Amino acid sequence: MPLTDPDRLFPAEPRQRDLARALYSAVADHPIISPHGHCDPRWFAENMRFPNPTDLFVTPDHYVLRMLVSQGIQLTDLGITGADGAASETDPRAIWRRFAAAYKLFRGTPSALWLDHSFEHVFEIDTVLGPDTADAIYDRIETQLAADAFRPRALFERFKIYLLATTDAALDDLGWHSAIADSSWSGRVIPTYRPDAVVDPDFEGFADNVRALGDLTDEDTMTWTGYLAAHRARRAVFKAHGSTASDHGHPSAKTANLMPAEAQQLFDTVMSGDFTPAQAEMFRGQMLTEMAKMSLEDGLVMQLHPGSRRNHSADIFACFGRDKGFDIPGPTDYVSALQPLLDAVGLEPDLTVILFTLDETAYSRELAPLAGAYPALKLGPPWWFFDSYEGIKRFREATTETCGFYNTVGFNDDTRAFCSIPARHDVSRRCDSSYLANLVATGRLREAEAFELADDLAYGLAKRAYRL
């Protein structure tokens, strides 16, 4: 028996299920555009085998980590080493066994869909992971990882990835991207400009990071104009490496549009280290507007995803650092927060600002009406906690009537877990096919239009939105 149901996520009603199946079949094998994610470009530059099944499926996946920790498993028992240097598990098989013993925790979650899809369709496993099957599945994956067909570049091609965008800090030298470009491999892996460390005064080492930005660009980043010039210089370097987008992970969507003298004064304040939370927020908001203006100049698509209360556990952050599963959604205002940016550039048809959210209550009340009016705005797909069947369904139901499909940008997987990329896109294609089938069944969409939309949602919208 297959590990996954061939009709998973399709409607139960027969007519709609048949149409959803037909729509999905038309797009299931489309190339994958992955325009926003966190895979390591080093994988594709070096093309070395993945070390072991645990490093592939467990340690890089914060969805997996947070679920296991929620049930009392320690991060050190999962191979995550703390800042205090305390001993952590080093045996990948022992970590895998803990993961397998707890695999039932993922029942009914998107992680189970992604993991089962990866096990079945990448590694041809047809048994459910659990305590009794842990070693056999580990050995099967380990054996296959030793083969050339399971190296990163081969899997990239097997997954039919048209393009994969990584997320790279403003201070990154992009050496791994250069190595990919200088190789004979034709796979398209591009960077994305992520300047959080040099635009967020609350980011650890902010002032030192800004000085490093100046050293990297030969600009005087102790002045406001020199600081902005340094950003322009780095963006140009990213563009030269193929980048088409920037990415901004701010605590809120607040924007500002200060006069140059006011901006200089605020810059001096945050660089001094003696600033208030309100001043830090104002500076981040000013930089969002500055980045939007730069996008008008250089054409980079701007992605904004606010609302994550990052590193919610101070103890986990202090001991283990970022991205360990303790980022939590919070309520987010968009209408008032984005007003200064939109007053400045919101009516520009050549600008694309893609809005993401972790606050689903904003979909129908704020985000869809904004994207349905301003030419510069598009809605990103359900992100992070809502990258799921129910999350995608709620997104379509809450936004389509107000902003349509063509003010959205398709799907992105936002993952560090490489083998989950085809699984996540498969879920998205199934969910959208089901939603379109319902529109046809209820007389809101013609069947021919549904097939055209399925194609756009799976491929065309992302390609156009990210200027690929």
Protein backbone atom coordinates (compact mmCIF):
# COMPACT_ATOMS: atom_id res chain seq x y z
CA MET A 1 0.00 0.00 0.00
CA PRO A 2 1.16 3.57 -0.61
CA LEU A 3 2.20 5.52 2.45
CA THR A 4 0.03 8.47 1.36
CA ASP A 5 -3.53 8.53 0.02
CA PRO A 6 -3.54 9.42 -3.72
CA ASP A 7 -6.71 11.50 -3.15
CA ARG A 8 -5.45 13.27 -0.03
CA LEU A 9 -6.81 16.78 0.47
CA PHE A 10 -9.41 16.41 -2.29
CA PRO A 11 -13.11 17.01 -1.49
CA ALA A 12 -15.22 14.12 -0.25
CA GLU A 13 -18.13 15.00 -2.57
CA PRO A 14 -17.62 12.85 -5.71
CA ARG A 15 -18.17 15.48 -8.42
CA GLN A 16 -15.85 17.98 -6.78
CA ARG A 17 -13.29 15.27 -6.04
CA ASP A 18 -13.21 14.20 -9.68
CA LEU A 19 -12.69 17.76 -10.86
CA ALA A 20 -10.07 18.47 -8.18
CA ARG A 21 -8.23 15.32 -9.25
CA ALA A 22 -8.30 16.45 -12.88
CA LEU A 23 -7.09 19.96 -12.02
CA TYR A 24 -4.30 18.58 -9.87
CA SER A 25 -3.25 16.11 -12.57
CA ALA A 26 -2.86 19.01 -14.98
CA VAL A 27 -0.32 20.77 -12.73
CA ALA A 28 1.19 18.02 -10.56
CA ASP A 29 4.31 17.73 -12.71
CA HIS A 30 4.86 21.44 -13.31
CA PRO A 31 8.36 22.71 -12.48
CA ILE A 32 8.76 24.06 -8.96
CA ILE A 33 9.49 27.71 -8.35
CA SER A 34 10.81 28.14 -4.82
CA PRO A 35 11.26 31.93 -4.56
CA HIS A 36 11.47 32.22 -0.77
CA GLY A 37 13.27 29.69 1.40
CA HIS A 38 16.20 28.93 3.64
CA CYS A 39 18.12 26.10 2.01
CA ASP A 40 21.90 26.33 2.24
CA PRO A 41 23.58 27.31 -1.06
CA ARG A 42 26.64 25.37 0.11
CA TRP A 43 24.75 22.14 -0.56
CA PHE A 44 24.66 22.89 -4.27
CA ALA A 45 28.10 24.49 -4.47
CA GLU A 46 29.88 21.48 -2.99
CA ASN A 47 27.34 18.82 -4.02
CA MET A 48 28.44 16.56 -1.18
CA ARG A 49 26.14 13.83 0.11
CA PHE A 50 23.81 14.72 2.96
CA PRO A 51 25.50 13.42 6.13
CA ASN A 52 22.72 11.18 7.46
CA PRO A 53 18.90 10.93 7.71
CA THR A 54 18.83 12.91 10.96
CA ASP A 55 20.67 15.88 9.46
CA LEU A 56 18.29 15.78 6.52
CA PHE A 57 14.95 15.46 8.32
CA VAL A 58 15.24 16.35 12.01
CA THR A 59 17.82 18.95 13.03
CA PRO A 60 17.14 21.58 10.31
CA ASP A 61 13.35 21.50 10.67
CA HIS A 62 11.98 23.84 13.35
CA TYR A 63 8.50 22.33 12.91
CA VAL A 64 9.95 19.00 14.03
CA LEU A 65 12.01 20.50 16.84
CA ARG A 66 9.17 22.50 18.36
CA MET A 67 6.77 19.55 18.41
CA LEU A 68 9.31 17.28 20.09
CA VAL A 69 10.29 19.94 22.63
CA SER A 70 6.60 20.57 23.40
CA GLN A 71 6.45 16.98 24.63
CA GLY A 72 9.45 17.32 26.92
CA ILE A 73 12.29 16.17 24.68
CA GLN A 74 15.39 18.30 25.23
CA LEU A 75 17.09 20.05 22.32
CA THR A 76 20.38 18.56 23.47
CA ASP A 77 18.83 15.12 23.03
CA LEU A 78 18.17 16.11 19.40
CA GLY A 79 21.79 17.02 18.73
CA ILE A 80 21.46 20.77 19.24
CA THR A 81 24.46 22.11 21.14
CA GLY A 82 23.91 24.99 23.56
CA ALA A 83 26.04 28.04 24.14
CA ASP A 84 27.21 26.61 27.44
CA GLY A 85 28.87 23.74 25.61
CA ALA A 86 26.92 21.14 27.58
CA ALA A 87 27.07 17.67 26.09
CA SER A 88 24.47 16.97 23.41
CA GLU A 89 23.62 13.79 21.58
CA THR A 90 26.10 13.11 18.78
CA ASP A 91 24.78 9.78 17.51
CA PRO A 92 22.40 10.51 14.60
CA ARG A 93 20.81 7.08 14.90
CA ALA A 94 19.95 7.69 18.55
CA ILE A 95 18.34 11.02 17.59
CA TRP A 96 16.43 9.30 14.80
CA ARG A 97 15.09 6.71 17.22
CA ARG A 98 13.79 9.45 19.50
CA PHE A 99 12.17 11.11 16.49
CA ALA A 100 10.61 7.81 15.38
CA ALA A 101 9.33 7.03 18.86
CA ALA A 102 7.57 10.41 18.89
CA TYR A 103 6.38 10.32 15.27
CA LYS A 104 2.76 9.81 16.33
CA LEU A 105 2.83 13.39 17.66
CA PHE A 106 2.67 14.63 14.08
CA ARG A 107 -0.59 12.88 13.21
CA GLY A 108 -2.96 15.26 11.43
CA THR A 109 -0.31 17.98 11.03
CA PRO A 110 1.23 19.36 7.83
CA SER A 111 4.58 17.95 8.99
CA ALA A 112 3.19 14.42 8.73
CA LEU A 113 2.02 15.09 5.16
CA TRP A 114 5.41 16.51 4.18
CA LEU A 115 7.46 13.80 5.90
CA ASP A 116 5.37 10.90 4.62
CA HIS A 117 5.48 12.36 1.09
CA SER A 118 9.27 12.65 1.30
CA PHE A 119 9.68 9.13 2.66
CA GLU A 120 7.47 7.63 -0.04
CA HIS A 121 8.28 9.67 -3.11
CA VAL A 122 11.97 10.42 -2.52
CA PHE A 123 13.12 7.26 -0.73
CA GLU A 124 10.41 4.75 -1.79
CA ILE A 125 9.48 3.87 1.77
CA ASP A 126 6.05 2.28 2.22
CA THR A 127 5.94 1.74 5.99
CA VAL A 128 5.01 4.24 8.68
CA LEU A 129 7.87 5.56 10.78
CA GLY A 130 7.70 4.39 14.38
CA PRO A 131 9.75 2.65 17.07
CA ASP A 132 9.58 -0.71 15.30
CA THR A 133 10.55 0.63 11.88
CA ALA A 134 13.05 3.31 12.90
CA ASP A 135 16.24 1.40 12.19
CA ALA A 136 15.04 -0.13 8.92
CA ILE A 137 13.93 3.25 7.57
CA TYR A 138 17.13 4.93 8.79
CA ASP A 139 19.23 2.27 7.03
CA ARG A 140 17.26 2.58 3.80
CA ILE A 141 17.64 6.35 3.71
CA GLU A 142 21.31 6.14 4.72
CA THR A 143 22.05 3.65 1.93
CA GLN A 144 20.38 5.82 -0.67
CA LEU A 145 22.09 9.01 0.53
CA ALA A 146 25.41 7.36 -0.33
CA ALA A 147 24.38 7.17 -4.01
CA ASP A 148 25.12 9.95 -6.50
CA ALA A 149 21.42 10.10 -7.37
CA PHE A 150 20.72 11.50 -3.89
CA ARG A 151 23.29 14.29 -3.87
CA PRO A 152 21.85 17.81 -3.73
CA ARG A 153 22.15 18.66 -7.41
CA ALA A 154 20.64 15.36 -8.53
CA LEU A 155 17.68 15.78 -6.15
CA PHE A 156 17.26 19.39 -7.30
CA GLU A 157 16.83 18.11 -10.86
CA ARG A 158 14.68 15.18 -9.82
CA PHE A 159 12.37 17.54 -7.92
CA LYS A 160 11.98 19.57 -11.15
CA ILE A 161 13.04 22.78 -9.44
CA TYR A 162 13.07 25.60 -11.96
CA LEU A 163 14.52 28.05 -9.45
CA LEU A 164 15.42 28.05 -5.76
CA ALA A 165 16.03 31.30 -3.89
CA THR A 166 18.00 31.21 -0.67
CA THR A 167 17.86 33.87 2.06
CA ASP A 168 21.19 35.60 2.63
CA ALA A 169 22.34 38.25 5.09
CA ALA A 170 23.40 41.65 3.79
CA LEU A 171 26.94 40.90 5.02
CA ASP A 172 27.16 37.50 3.32
CA ASP A 173 30.00 37.35 0.80
CA LEU A 174 27.84 35.10 -1.45
CA GLY A 175 30.83 32.84 -1.96
CA TRP A 176 28.73 29.71 -2.29
CA HIS A 177 26.57 31.39 -4.92
CA SER A 178 29.71 32.37 -6.81
CA ALA A 179 30.88 28.76 -6.65
CA ILE A 180 27.57 27.56 -8.10
CA ALA A 181 27.78 30.12 -10.91
CA ASP A 182 31.38 29.12 -11.68
CA SER A 183 30.51 25.42 -11.85
CA SER A 184 29.30 23.54 -14.90
CA TRP A 185 25.96 22.80 -13.24
CA SER A 186 22.95 24.51 -14.79
CA GLY A 187 20.67 24.54 -11.72
CA ARG A 188 19.39 28.00 -10.83
CA VAL A 189 20.03 28.91 -7.18
CA ILE A 190 19.89 32.62 -6.43
CA PRO A 191 20.31 34.75 -3.28
CA THR A 192 17.76 37.01 -1.60
CA TYR A 193 18.82 40.21 0.16
CA ARG A 194 17.95 39.94 3.88
CA PRO A 195 19.18 43.09 5.68
CA ASP A 196 17.62 42.53 9.13
CA ALA A 197 20.98 42.48 10.94
CA VAL A 198 21.84 45.95 9.60
CA VAL A 199 18.41 47.61 9.79
CA ASP A 200 17.12 46.39 13.17
CA PRO A 201 18.65 48.23 16.15
CA ASP A 202 17.50 45.38 18.40
CA PHE A 203 19.46 42.80 16.40
CA GLU A 204 22.47 41.57 18.34
CA GLY A 205 25.63 43.43 17.28
CA PHE A 206 23.68 45.98 15.21
CA ALA A 207 26.20 48.85 15.37
CA ASP A 208 29.11 46.53 14.61
CA ASN A 209 27.13 45.06 11.73
CA VAL A 210 26.58 48.54 10.27
CA ARG A 211 30.32 49.24 10.53
CA ALA A 212 31.02 45.94 8.78
CA LEU A 213 28.59 46.99 6.04
CA GLY A 214 30.71 50.09 5.53
CA ASP A 215 33.92 48.06 5.37
CA LEU A 216 32.35 45.73 2.83
CA THR A 217 31.16 48.53 0.54
CA ASP A 218 33.75 51.26 1.12
CA GLU A 219 30.92 53.57 2.16
CA ASP A 220 30.82 55.76 5.26
CA THR A 221 28.05 54.03 7.18
CA MET A 222 28.42 56.46 10.07
CA THR A 223 26.35 58.92 8.02
CA TRP A 224 22.77 58.44 6.89
CA THR A 225 23.57 59.01 3.21
CA GLY A 226 26.58 56.71 3.35
CA TYR A 227 24.53 54.05 5.13
CA LEU A 228 21.88 54.13 2.40
CA ALA A 229 24.56 54.08 -0.28
CA ALA A 230 26.01 50.95 1.31
CA HIS A 231 22.64 49.22 1.04
CA ARG A 232 22.40 50.18 -2.62
CA ALA A 233 25.88 48.78 -3.20
CA ARG A 234 25.07 45.46 -1.53
CA ARG A 235 21.78 45.15 -3.39
CA ALA A 236 23.68 45.64 -6.64
CA VAL A 237 26.04 42.80 -5.68
CA PHE A 238 23.08 40.55 -4.91
CA LYS A 239 21.50 41.43 -8.26
CA ALA A 240 24.76 40.57 -10.01
CA HIS A 241 24.47 37.12 -8.42
CA GLY A 242 20.96 36.69 -9.84
CA SER A 243 18.85 38.00 -6.96
CA THR A 244 15.36 39.24 -7.82
CA ALA A 245 14.06 39.97 -4.31
CA SER A 246 14.73 41.33 -0.86
CA ASP A 247 13.25 39.94 2.34
CA HIS A 248 12.34 41.76 5.56
CA GLY A 249 11.38 39.97 8.77
CA HIS A 250 10.32 42.82 11.02
CA PRO A 251 8.38 42.52 14.29
CA SER A 252 5.61 44.73 12.87
CA ALA A 253 4.53 46.27 9.57
CA LYS A 254 5.18 49.81 10.78
CA THR A 255 6.61 52.13 8.15
CA ALA A 256 7.76 55.76 8.27
CA ASN A 257 8.78 58.43 5.78
CA LEU A 258 10.90 60.98 7.64
CA MET A 259 12.62 64.02 6.22
CA PRO A 260 16.39 63.48 5.66
CA ALA A 261 17.43 65.56 8.68
CA GLU A 262 15.05 63.63 10.94
CA ALA A 263 16.29 60.34 9.53
CA GLN A 264 19.91 61.33 10.15
CA GLN A 265 19.10 62.23 13.75
CA LEU A 266 17.29 58.93 14.30
CA PHE A 267 20.17 57.05 12.70
CA ASP A 268 22.66 58.72 15.04
CA THR A 269 20.50 57.77 18.01
CA VAL A 270 20.21 54.07 17.17
CA MET A 271 23.90 53.86 16.34
CA SER A 272 24.75 55.28 19.76
CA GLY A 273 23.08 52.31 21.40
CA ASP A 274 21.04 54.59 23.66
CA PHE A 275 17.58 54.35 22.12
CA THR A 276 14.04 53.54 23.18
CA PRO A 277 11.89 50.69 21.82
CA ALA A 278 9.79 53.32 20.02
CA GLN A 279 12.89 54.74 18.31
CA ALA A 280 13.99 51.27 17.24
CA GLU A 281 10.54 50.64 15.78
CA MET A 282 10.59 53.98 13.98
CA PHE A 283 13.98 53.22 12.47
CA ARG A 284 12.87 49.83 11.22
CA GLY A 285 9.80 51.51 9.74
CA GLN A 286 11.90 54.15 8.01
CA MET A 287 14.10 51.44 6.52
CA LEU A 288 11.11 49.62 5.06
CA THR A 289 10.17 52.74 3.15
CA GLU A 290 13.79 53.29 2.10
CA MET A 291 13.95 49.70 0.85
CA ALA A 292 10.74 50.17 -1.11
CA LYS A 293 12.21 53.28 -2.75
CA MET A 294 15.37 51.32 -3.58
CA SER A 295 13.21 48.58 -5.12
CA LEU A 296 11.78 51.18 -7.46
CA GLU A 297 15.35 51.99 -8.51
CA ASP A 298 16.80 48.49 -8.89
CA GLY A 299 13.73 46.31 -9.50
CA LEU A 300 14.11 43.92 -6.57
CA VAL A 301 10.78 42.55 -5.39
CA MET A 302 10.24 43.40 -1.72
CA GLN A 303 8.93 40.75 0.67
CA LEU A 304 7.63 41.83 4.07
CA HIS A 305 6.65 39.26 6.69
CA PRO A 306 5.96 40.85 10.06
CA GLY A 307 4.21 39.55 13.13
CA SER A 308 6.51 36.85 14.46
CA ARG A 309 7.32 37.27 18.13
CA ARG A 310 10.72 35.76 17.63
CA ASN A 311 12.70 33.86 20.24
CA HIS A 312 9.79 33.87 22.69
CA SER A 313 11.70 31.74 25.18
CA ALA A 314 14.55 33.84 26.50
CA ASP A 315 16.21 30.74 27.92
CA ILE A 316 16.13 28.85 24.62
CA PHE A 317 17.42 31.89 22.73
CA ALA A 318 20.25 32.47 25.21
CA CYS A 319 21.30 28.83 25.16
CA PHE A 320 20.58 27.68 21.61
CA GLY A 321 20.10 30.82 19.51
CA ARG A 322 17.61 31.59 16.74
CA ASP A 323 15.30 29.32 14.76
CA LYS A 324 14.72 26.62 17.35
CA GLY A 325 10.92 26.62 17.20
CA PHE A 326 10.15 29.40 19.67
CA ASP A 327 8.88 32.04 17.26
CA ILE A 328 5.19 32.69 17.96
CA PRO A 329 2.56 34.58 15.88
CA GLY A 330 1.13 37.85 17.15
CA PRO A 331 -1.54 40.34 16.05
CA THR A 332 -0.39 42.75 13.35
CA ASP A 333 -1.77 46.04 12.02
CA TYR A 334 -1.31 46.76 8.31
CA VAL A 335 -3.73 49.55 7.35
CA SER A 336 -2.22 52.23 9.58
CA ALA A 337 1.25 50.75 9.71
CA LEU A 338 1.78 50.72 5.95
CA GLN A 339 0.25 54.14 5.32
CA PRO A 340 3.56 56.11 5.13
CA LEU A 341 5.09 53.63 2.68
CA LEU A 342 1.94 53.50 0.58
CA ASP A 343 1.68 57.30 0.51
CA ALA A 344 5.22 57.36 -0.85
CA VAL A 345 5.20 54.52 -3.38
CA GLY A 346 1.98 52.50 -3.12
CA LEU A 347 0.59 53.64 -6.48
CA GLU A 348 3.77 52.75 -8.39
CA PRO A 349 2.92 50.00 -10.91
CA ASP A 350 6.59 49.04 -11.31
CA LEU A 351 7.00 48.24 -7.60
CA THR A 352 6.06 44.88 -6.09
CA VAL A 353 5.74 44.57 -2.32
CA ILE A 354 4.63 41.10 -1.25
CA LEU A 355 2.89 41.01 2.13
CA PHE A 356 2.90 37.94 4.34
CA THR A 357 1.20 37.56 7.70
CA LEU A 358 1.03 35.37 10.77
CA ASP A 359 -2.20 37.12 11.77
CA GLU A 360 -5.01 35.43 9.86
CA THR A 361 -7.55 37.92 11.21
CA ALA A 362 -5.96 40.51 8.92
CA TYR A 363 -6.69 38.63 5.68
CA SER A 364 -10.22 39.83 4.93
CA ARG A 365 -10.16 42.94 7.13
CA GLU A 366 -6.89 44.52 5.94
CA LEU A 367 -4.62 42.61 3.58
CA ALA A 368 -7.04 41.65 0.80
CA PRO A 369 -8.58 45.14 0.63
CA LEU A 370 -5.11 46.73 0.53
CA ALA A 371 -3.84 44.41 -2.20
CA GLY A 372 -7.12 44.84 -4.03
CA ALA A 373 -6.51 48.58 -4.30
CA TYR A 374 -2.79 49.44 -4.38
CA PRO A 375 -0.86 48.50 -7.55
CA ALA A 376 2.37 47.98 -5.59
CA LEU A 377 0.93 45.36 -3.22
CA LYS A 378 0.55 41.61 -3.63
CA LEU A 379 -0.37 38.97 -1.06
CA GLY A 380 2.11 36.26 -0.22
CA PRO A 381 0.78 32.77 0.39
CA PRO A 382 -0.07 31.34 3.81
CA TRP A 383 3.20 31.33 5.66
CA TRP A 384 4.83 29.29 8.38
CA PHE A 385 2.15 28.18 10.86
CA PHE A 386 -0.51 28.40 8.13
CA ASP A 387 1.33 26.54 5.36
CA SER A 388 -1.23 23.75 5.60
CA TYR A 389 -4.44 22.43 4.08
CA GLU A 390 -6.67 24.40 6.43
CA GLY A 391 -4.41 27.47 6.27
CA ILE A 392 -4.41 27.57 2.47
CA LYS A 393 -8.18 27.00 2.39
CA ARG A 394 -8.80 29.83 4.88
CA PHE A 395 -6.50 32.12 2.90
CA ARG A 396 -8.37 31.56 -0.36
CA GLU A 397 -11.79 31.92 1.28
CA ALA A 398 -10.80 35.12 3.10
CA THR A 399 -9.02 36.92 0.26
CA THR A 400 -10.32 35.85 -3.16
CA GLU A 401 -13.60 37.75 -3.06
CA THR A 402 -11.79 41.03 -2.32
CA CYS A 403 -8.51 40.90 -4.24
CA GLY A 404 -8.99 37.98 -6.61
CA PHE A 405 -6.29 35.49 -7.53
CA TYR A 406 -4.08 37.79 -9.56
CA ASN A 407 -3.13 40.00 -6.64
CA THR A 408 -1.55 36.92 -5.04
CA VAL A 409 1.78 35.33 -5.95
CA GLY A 410 1.33 31.59 -6.06
CA PHE A 411 3.14 29.51 -3.44
CA ASN A 412 6.51 29.40 -1.74
CA ASP A 413 7.76 26.74 0.64
CA ASP A 414 9.89 28.79 3.07
CA THR A 415 11.84 25.73 4.17
CA ARG A 416 15.23 24.63 5.44
CA ALA A 417 14.27 20.97 4.95
CA PHE A 418 15.25 20.33 1.32
CA CYS A 419 13.31 17.11 0.77
CA SER A 420 10.09 18.79 1.89
CA ILE A 421 10.10 21.18 -1.07
CA PRO A 422 8.21 18.91 -3.50
CA ALA A 423 5.94 17.76 -0.66
CA ARG A 424 4.94 21.30 0.25
CA HIS A 425 4.28 22.30 -3.35
CA ASP A 426 2.25 19.13 -3.78
CA VAL A 427 0.06 20.11 -0.80
CA SER A 428 -0.42 23.60 -2.22
CA ARG A 429 -1.41 22.28 -5.65
CA ARG A 430 -3.88 19.85 -4.11
CA CYS A 431 -5.42 22.51 -1.87
CA ASP A 432 -5.82 25.01 -4.71
CA SER A 433 -7.29 22.33 -6.97
CA SER A 434 -9.86 21.52 -4.30
CA TYR A 435 -10.74 25.18 -3.83
CA LEU A 436 -11.13 25.74 -7.58
CA ALA A 437 -13.30 22.62 -7.89
CA ASN A 438 -15.61 24.05 -5.25
CA LEU A 439 -15.88 27.34 -7.13
CA VAL A 440 -16.86 25.46 -10.29
CA ALA A 441 -19.36 23.26 -8.45
CA THR A 442 -21.06 26.30 -6.92
CA GLY A 443 -21.25 28.22 -10.19
CA ARG A 444 -18.64 30.85 -9.37
CA LEU A 445 -16.06 29.76 -11.93
CA ARG A 446 -16.12 28.15 -15.37
CA GLU A 447 -14.30 24.85 -15.67
CA ALA A 448 -11.93 26.16 -18.36
CA GLU A 449 -11.06 29.08 -16.10
CA ALA A 450 -10.30 26.68 -13.26
CA PHE A 451 -7.70 24.87 -15.36
CA GLU A 452 -6.09 28.17 -16.35
CA LEU A 453 -6.04 29.29 -12.73
CA ALA A 454 -4.58 26.00 -11.53
CA ASP A 455 -1.69 26.56 -13.92
CA ASP A 456 -1.15 30.11 -12.69
CA LEU A 457 -1.36 29.22 -9.01
CA ALA A 458 1.13 26.38 -9.39
CA TYR A 459 3.65 28.19 -11.57
CA GLY A 460 2.73 31.32 -13.52
CA LEU A 461 1.95 33.76 -10.70
CA ALA A 462 5.22 33.12 -8.86
CA LYS A 463 7.22 33.39 -12.04
CA ARG A 464 5.69 36.74 -12.89
CA ALA A 465 5.65 38.18 -9.36
CA TYR A 466 9.31 37.44 -8.76
CA ARG A 467 10.32 38.59 -12.24
CA LEU A 468 11.78 35.27 -13.27
